[in-house]
Amino acid sequence: MADSRFLVVRNDEEQYSIWPADRELPAGWHDAGFAGTREECLSHVDTVWTDMRPRSVREVPS
């Protein structure tokens, strides 16, 4: 499993996760354009997902 490849995936609310590269993506999730080891993908998610609030919450007028 240490050599397994993963994809960084994102849903319509701009929430990120990782998913095994050899499996079909679950409904509502899309390839976010980054693949690598589990650790590389988690590191990438830490870098790009700076606001963990769902998009629908971020876009609510204040």
PDB file of N, CA and C in Angstrom:
ATOM      1  N   MET A   1       0.830  -1.204   0.000  1.00  0.00           N
ATOM      2  CA  MET A   1       0.000   0.000   0.000  1.00  0.00           C
ATOM      3  C   MET A   1       0.862   1.251   0.000  1.00  0.00           C
ATOM      4  N   ALA A   2       2.090   1.182   0.507  1.00  0.00           N
ATOM      5  CA  ALA A   2       2.965   2.353   0.564  1.00  0.00           C
ATOM      6  C   ALA A   2       3.283   2.886  -0.829  1.00  0.00           C
ATOM      7  N   ASP A   3       3.297   2.001  -1.835  1.00  0.00           N
ATOM      8  CA  ASP A   3       3.603   2.425  -3.196  1.00  0.00           C
ATOM      9  C   ASP A   3       2.355   2.785  -3.997  1.00  0.00           C
ATOM     10  N   SER A   4       1.209   2.719  -3.376  1.00  0.00           N
ATOM     11  CA  SER A   4      -0.041   3.009  -4.071  1.00  0.00           C
ATOM     12  C   SER A   4      -0.073   4.460  -4.534  1.00  0.00           C
ATOM     13  N   ARG A   5      -0.750   4.677  -5.655  1.00  0.00           N
ATOM     14  CA  ARG A   5      -0.917   6.023  -6.198  1.00  0.00           C
ATOM     15  C   ARG A   5      -2.299   6.533  -5.824  1.00  0.00           C
ATOM     16  N   PHE A   6      -2.351   7.812  -5.541  1.00  0.00           N
ATOM     17  CA  PHE A   6      -3.593   8.457  -5.165  1.00  0.00           C
ATOM     18  C   PHE A   6      -3.811   9.692  -6.025  1.00  0.00           C
ATOM     19  N   LEU A   7      -5.048  10.133  -6.085  1.00  0.00           N
ATOM     20  CA  LEU A   7      -5.417  11.383  -6.735  1.00  0.00           C
ATOM     21  C   LEU A   7      -5.923  12.337  -5.669  1.00  0.00           C
ATOM     22  N   VAL A   8      -5.658  13.619  -5.871  1.00  0.00           N
ATOM     23  CA  VAL A   8      -6.334  14.630  -5.070  1.00  0.00           C
ATOM     24  C   VAL A   8      -7.639  14.905  -5.784  1.00  0.00           C
ATOM     25  N   VAL A   9      -8.726  14.857  -5.040  1.00  0.00           N
ATOM     26  CA  VAL A   9     -10.055  15.070  -5.613  1.00  0.00           C
ATOM     27  C   VAL A   9     -10.740  16.223  -4.886  1.00  0.00           C
ATOM     28  N   ARG A  10     -11.702  16.833  -5.580  1.00  0.00           N
ATOM     29  CA  ARG A  10     -12.427  17.974  -5.022  1.00  0.00           C
ATOM     30  C   ARG A  10     -13.894  17.847  -5.403  1.00  0.00           C
ATOM     31  N   ASN A  11     -14.771  18.248  -4.495  1.00  0.00           N
ATOM     32  CA  ASN A  11     -16.202  18.208  -4.802  1.00  0.00           C
ATOM     33  C   ASN A  11     -16.693  19.604  -5.179  1.00  0.00           C
ATOM     34  N   ASP A  12     -17.974  19.719  -5.457  1.00  0.00           N
ATOM     35  CA  ASP A  12     -18.540  20.994  -5.898  1.00  0.00           C
ATOM     36  C   ASP A  12     -18.519  22.071  -4.811  1.00  0.00           C
ATOM     37  N   GLU A  13     -18.353  21.668  -3.569  1.00  0.00           N
ATOM     38  CA  GLU A  13     -18.228  22.622  -2.458  1.00  0.00           C
ATOM     39  C   GLU A  13     -16.759  23.013  -2.228  1.00  0.00           C
ATOM     40  N   GLU A  14     -15.882  22.564  -3.136  1.00  0.00           N
ATOM     41  CA  GLU A  14     -14.436  22.843  -3.079  1.00  0.00           C
ATOM     42  C   GLU A  14     -13.792  22.285  -1.815  1.00  0.00           C
ATOM     43  N   GLN A  15     -14.267  21.113  -1.405  1.00  0.00           N
ATOM     44  CA  GLN A  15     -13.661  20.365  -0.322  1.00  0.00           C
ATOM     45  C   GLN A  15     -12.764  19.314  -0.951  1.00  0.00           C
ATOM     46  N   TYR A  16     -11.600  19.079  -0.361  1.00  0.00           N
ATOM     47  CA  TYR A  16     -10.604  18.177  -0.924  1.00  0.00           C
ATOM     48  C   TYR A  16     -10.533  16.867  -0.171  1.00  0.00           C
ATOM     49  N   SER A  17     -10.078  15.850  -0.880  1.00  0.00           N
ATOM     50  CA  SER A  17      -9.800  14.547  -0.298  1.00  0.00           C
ATOM     51  C   SER A  17      -8.794  13.851  -1.206  1.00  0.00           C
ATOM     52  N   ILE A  18      -8.400  12.649  -0.826  1.00  0.00           N
ATOM     53  CA  ILE A  18      -7.568  11.846  -1.717  1.00  0.00           C
ATOM     54  C   ILE A  18      -8.314  10.553  -2.004  1.00  0.00           C
ATOM     55  N   TRP A  19      -7.998   9.944  -3.145  1.00  0.00           N
ATOM     56  CA  TRP A  19      -8.699   8.755  -3.589  1.00  0.00           C
ATOM     57  C   TRP A  19      -7.722   7.848  -4.317  1.00  0.00           C
ATOM     58  N   PRO A  20      -7.812   6.532  -4.131  1.00  0.00           N
ATOM     59  CA  PRO A  20      -6.925   5.622  -4.864  1.00  0.00           C
ATOM     60  C   PRO A  20      -7.044   5.834  -6.373  1.00  0.00           C
ATOM     61  N   ALA A  21      -5.905   5.975  -7.039  1.00  0.00           N
ATOM     62  CA  ALA A  21      -5.894   6.283  -8.475  1.00  0.00           C
ATOM     63  C   ALA A  21      -6.487   5.173  -9.326  1.00  0.00           C
ATOM     64  N   ASP A  22      -6.493   3.952  -8.821  1.00  0.00           N
ATOM     65  CA  ASP A  22      -6.987   2.829  -9.623  1.00  0.00           C
ATOM     66  C   ASP A  22      -8.480   2.553  -9.409  1.00  0.00           C
ATOM     67  N   ARG A  23      -9.154   3.437  -8.686  1.00  0.00           N
ATOM     68  CA  ARG A  23     -10.586   3.250  -8.440  1.00  0.00           C
ATOM     69  C   ARG A  23     -11.383   4.374  -9.091  1.00  0.00           C
ATOM     70  N   GLU A  24     -12.607   4.054  -9.483  1.00  0.00           N
ATOM     71  CA  GLU A  24     -13.503   5.059 -10.068  1.00  0.00           C
ATOM     72  C   GLU A  24     -13.860   6.086  -9.002  1.00  0.00           C
ATOM     73  N   LEU A  25     -13.885   7.347  -9.400  1.00  0.00           N
ATOM     74  CA  LEU A  25     -14.228   8.402  -8.447  1.00  0.00           C
ATOM     75  C   LEU A  25     -15.677   8.282  -8.015  1.00  0.00           C
ATOM     76  N   PRO A  26     -15.945   8.564  -6.748  1.00  0.00           N
ATOM     77  CA  PRO A  26     -17.331   8.539  -6.293  1.00  0.00           C
ATOM     78  C   PRO A  26     -18.110   9.708  -6.890  1.00  0.00           C
ATOM     79  N   ALA A  27     -19.417   9.569  -6.940  1.00  0.00           N
ATOM     80  CA  ALA A  27     -20.281  10.618  -7.485  1.00  0.00           C
ATOM     81  C   ALA A  27     -20.042  11.927  -6.749  1.00  0.00           C
ATOM     82  N   GLY A  28     -19.954  13.006  -7.516  1.00  0.00           N
ATOM     83  CA  GLY A  28     -19.791  14.333  -6.937  1.00  0.00           C
ATOM     84  C   GLY A  28     -18.348  14.757  -6.700  1.00  0.00           C
ATOM     85  N   TRP A  29     -17.403  13.900  -6.988  1.00  0.00           N
ATOM     86  CA  TRP A  29     -15.980  14.216  -6.799  1.00  0.00           C
ATOM     87  C   TRP A  29     -15.291  14.246  -8.155  1.00  0.00           C
ATOM     88  N   HIS A  30     -14.307  15.167  -8.298  1.00  0.00           N
ATOM     89  CA  HIS A  30     -13.611  15.366  -9.566  1.00  0.00           C
ATOM     90  C   HIS A  30     -12.110  15.402  -9.319  1.00  0.00           C
ATOM     91  N   ASP A  31     -11.355  14.949 -10.302  1.00  0.00           N
ATOM     92  CA  ASP A  31      -9.898  14.988 -10.230  1.00  0.00           C
ATOM     93  C   ASP A  31      -9.457  16.449 -10.123  1.00  0.00           C
ATOM     94  N   ALA A  32      -8.642  16.756  -9.128  1.00  0.00           N
ATOM     95  CA  ALA A  32      -8.167  18.127  -8.914  1.00  0.00           C
ATOM     96  C   ALA A  32      -6.814  18.375  -9.582  1.00  0.00           C
ATOM     97  N   GLY A  33      -6.319  17.389 -10.335  1.00  0.00           N
ATOM     98  CA  GLY A  33      -5.114  17.612 -11.121  1.00  0.00           C
ATOM     99  C   GLY A  33      -3.805  17.308 -10.433  1.00  0.00           C
ATOM    100  N   PHE A  34      -3.821  16.545  -9.352  1.00  0.00           N
ATOM    101  CA  PHE A  34      -2.578  16.173  -8.678  1.00  0.00           C
ATOM    102  C   PHE A  34      -2.653  14.701  -8.313  1.00  0.00           C
ATOM    103  N   ALA A  35      -1.565  13.975  -8.567  1.00  0.00           N
ATOM    104  CA  ALA A  35      -1.479  12.559  -8.221  1.00  0.00           C
ATOM    105  C   ALA A  35      -0.110  12.293  -7.607  1.00  0.00           C
ATOM    106  N   GLY A  36      -0.042  11.293  -6.755  1.00  0.00           N
ATOM    107  CA  GLY A  36       1.222  10.913  -6.141  1.00  0.00           C
ATOM    108  C   GLY A  36       1.000   9.882  -5.057  1.00  0.00           C
ATOM    109  N   THR A  37       1.965   9.767  -4.180  1.00  0.00           N
ATOM    110  CA  THR A  37       1.809   8.872  -3.047  1.00  0.00           C
ATOM    111  C   THR A  37       0.779   9.467  -2.093  1.00  0.00           C
ATOM    112  N   ARG A  38       0.363   8.688  -1.133  1.00  0.00           N
ATOM    113  CA  ARG A  38      -0.600   9.183  -0.143  1.00  0.00           C
ATOM    114  C   ARG A  38      -0.041  10.421   0.546  1.00  0.00           C
ATOM    115  N   GLU A  39       1.222  10.356   0.964  1.00  0.00           N
ATOM    116  CA  GLU A  39       1.845  11.470   1.667  1.00  0.00           C
ATOM    117  C   GLU A  39       1.966  12.708   0.784  1.00  0.00           C
ATOM    118  N   GLU A  40       2.338  12.522  -0.483  1.00  0.00           N
ATOM    119  CA  GLU A  40       2.438  13.657  -1.407  1.00  0.00           C
ATOM    120  C   GLU A  40       1.080  14.314  -1.614  1.00  0.00           C
ATOM    121  N   CYS A  41       0.043  13.494  -1.750  1.00  0.00           N
ATOM    122  CA  CYS A  41      -1.308  14.037  -1.963  1.00  0.00           C
ATOM    123  C   CYS A  41      -1.798  14.775  -0.726  1.00  0.00           C
ATOM    124  N   LEU A  42      -1.574  14.214   0.452  1.00  0.00           N
ATOM    125  CA  LEU A  42      -1.989  14.896   1.677  1.00  0.00           C
ATOM    126  C   LEU A  42      -1.243  16.214   1.847  1.00  0.00           C
ATOM    127  N   SER A  43       0.022  16.241   1.501  1.00  0.00           N
ATOM    128  CA  SER A  43       0.801  17.474   1.569  1.00  0.00           C
ATOM    129  C   SER A  43       0.243  18.509   0.594  1.00  0.00           C
ATOM    130  N   HIS A  44      -0.118  18.078  -0.594  1.00  0.00           N
ATOM    131  CA  HIS A  44      -0.698  18.984  -1.584  1.00  0.00           C
ATOM    132  C   HIS A  44      -2.026  19.559  -1.074  1.00  0.00           C
ATOM    133  N   VAL A  45      -2.854  18.713  -0.506  1.00  0.00           N
ATOM    134  CA  VAL A  45      -4.132  19.180   0.049  1.00  0.00           C
ATOM    135  C   VAL A  45      -3.878  20.224   1.130  1.00  0.00           C
ATOM    136  N   ASP A  46      -2.899  19.986   1.996  1.00  0.00           N
ATOM    137  CA  ASP A  46      -2.556  20.967   3.041  1.00  0.00           C
ATOM    138  C   ASP A  46      -2.171  22.309   2.437  1.00  0.00           C
ATOM    139  N   THR A  47      -1.533  22.283   1.278  1.00  0.00           N
ATOM    140  CA  THR A  47      -1.082  23.510   0.623  1.00  0.00           C
ATOM    141  C   THR A  47      -2.229  24.267  -0.049  1.00  0.00           C
ATOM    142  N   VAL A  48      -3.109  23.552  -0.733  1.00  0.00           N
ATOM    143  CA  VAL A  48      -4.137  24.216  -1.542  1.00  0.00           C
ATOM    144  C   VAL A  48      -5.450  24.480  -0.817  1.00  0.00           C
ATOM    145  N   TRP A  49      -5.733  23.721   0.220  1.00  0.00           N
ATOM    146  CA  TRP A  49      -7.019  23.865   0.914  1.00  0.00           C
ATOM    147  C   TRP A  49      -6.812  24.726   2.147  1.00  0.00           C
ATOM    148  N   THR A  50      -6.804  26.024   1.936  1.00  0.00           N
ATOM    149  CA  THR A  50      -6.474  26.961   3.011  1.00  0.00           C
ATOM    150  C   THR A  50      -7.700  27.443   3.774  1.00  0.00           C
ATOM    151  N   ASP A  51      -8.876  27.349   3.183  1.00  0.00           N
ATOM    152  CA  ASP A  51     -10.113  27.746   3.846  1.00  0.00           C
ATOM    153  C   ASP A  51     -11.040  26.540   3.822  1.00  0.00           C
ATOM    154  N   MET A  52     -11.192  25.889   4.945  1.00  0.00           N
ATOM    155  CA  MET A  52     -11.910  24.617   4.978  1.00  0.00           C
ATOM    156  C   MET A  52     -13.432  24.761   4.972  1.00  0.00           C
ATOM    157  N   ARG A  53     -13.926  25.985   4.977  1.00  0.00           N
ATOM    158  CA  ARG A  53     -15.376  26.163   4.897  1.00  0.00           C
ATOM    159  C   ARG A  53     -15.862  25.770   3.500  1.00  0.00           C
ATOM    160  N   PRO A  54     -17.013  25.097   3.410  1.00  0.00           N
ATOM    161  CA  PRO A  54     -17.571  24.782   2.095  1.00  0.00           C
ATOM    162  C   PRO A  54     -17.812  26.067   1.296  1.00  0.00           C
ATOM    163  N   ARG A  55     -17.735  25.960  -0.022  1.00  0.00           N
ATOM    164  CA  ARG A  55     -17.918  27.113  -0.896  1.00  0.00           C
ATOM    165  C   ARG A  55     -19.235  27.828  -0.622  1.00  0.00           C
ATOM    166  N   SER A  56     -20.312  27.070  -0.397  1.00  0.00           N
ATOM    167  CA  SER A  56     -21.616  27.690  -0.174  1.00  0.00           C
ATOM    168  C   SER A  56     -21.617  28.561   1.091  1.00  0.00           C
ATOM    169  N   VAL A  57     -20.815  28.218   2.067  1.00  0.00           N
ATOM    170  CA  VAL A  57     -20.709  29.035   3.286  1.00  0.00           C
ATOM    171  C   VAL A  57     -19.827  30.255   3.031  1.00  0.00           C
ATOM    172  N   ARG A  58     -18.729  30.072   2.298  1.00  0.00           N
ATOM    173  CA  ARG A  58     -17.823  31.192   2.005  1.00  0.00           C
ATOM    174  C   ARG A  58     -18.501  32.261   1.172  1.00  0.00           C
ATOM    175  N   GLU A  59     -19.436  31.866   0.308  1.00  0.00           N
ATOM    176  CA  GLU A  59     -20.063  32.814  -0.615  1.00  0.00           C
ATOM    177  C   GLU A  59     -21.303  33.503  -0.059  1.00  0.00           C
ATOM    178  N   VAL A  60     -21.684  33.202   1.165  1.00  0.00           N
ATOM    179  CA  VAL A  60     -22.842  33.851   1.782  1.00  0.00           C
ATOM    180  C   VAL A  60     -22.465  35.312   2.062  1.00  0.00           C
ATOM    181  N   PRO A  61     -23.272  36.264   1.557  1.00  0.00           N
ATOM    182  CA  PRO A  61     -22.968  37.670   1.815  1.00  0.00           C
ATOM    183  C   PRO A  61     -22.997  37.969   3.316  1.00  0.00           C
ATOM    184  N   SER A  62     -22.070  38.801   3.761  1.00  0.00           N
ATOM    185  CA  SER A  62     -22.048  39.138   5.179  1.00  0.00           C
ATOM    186  C   SER A  62     -22.790  40.413   5.471  1.00  0.00           C
TER     187      SER A  62
END
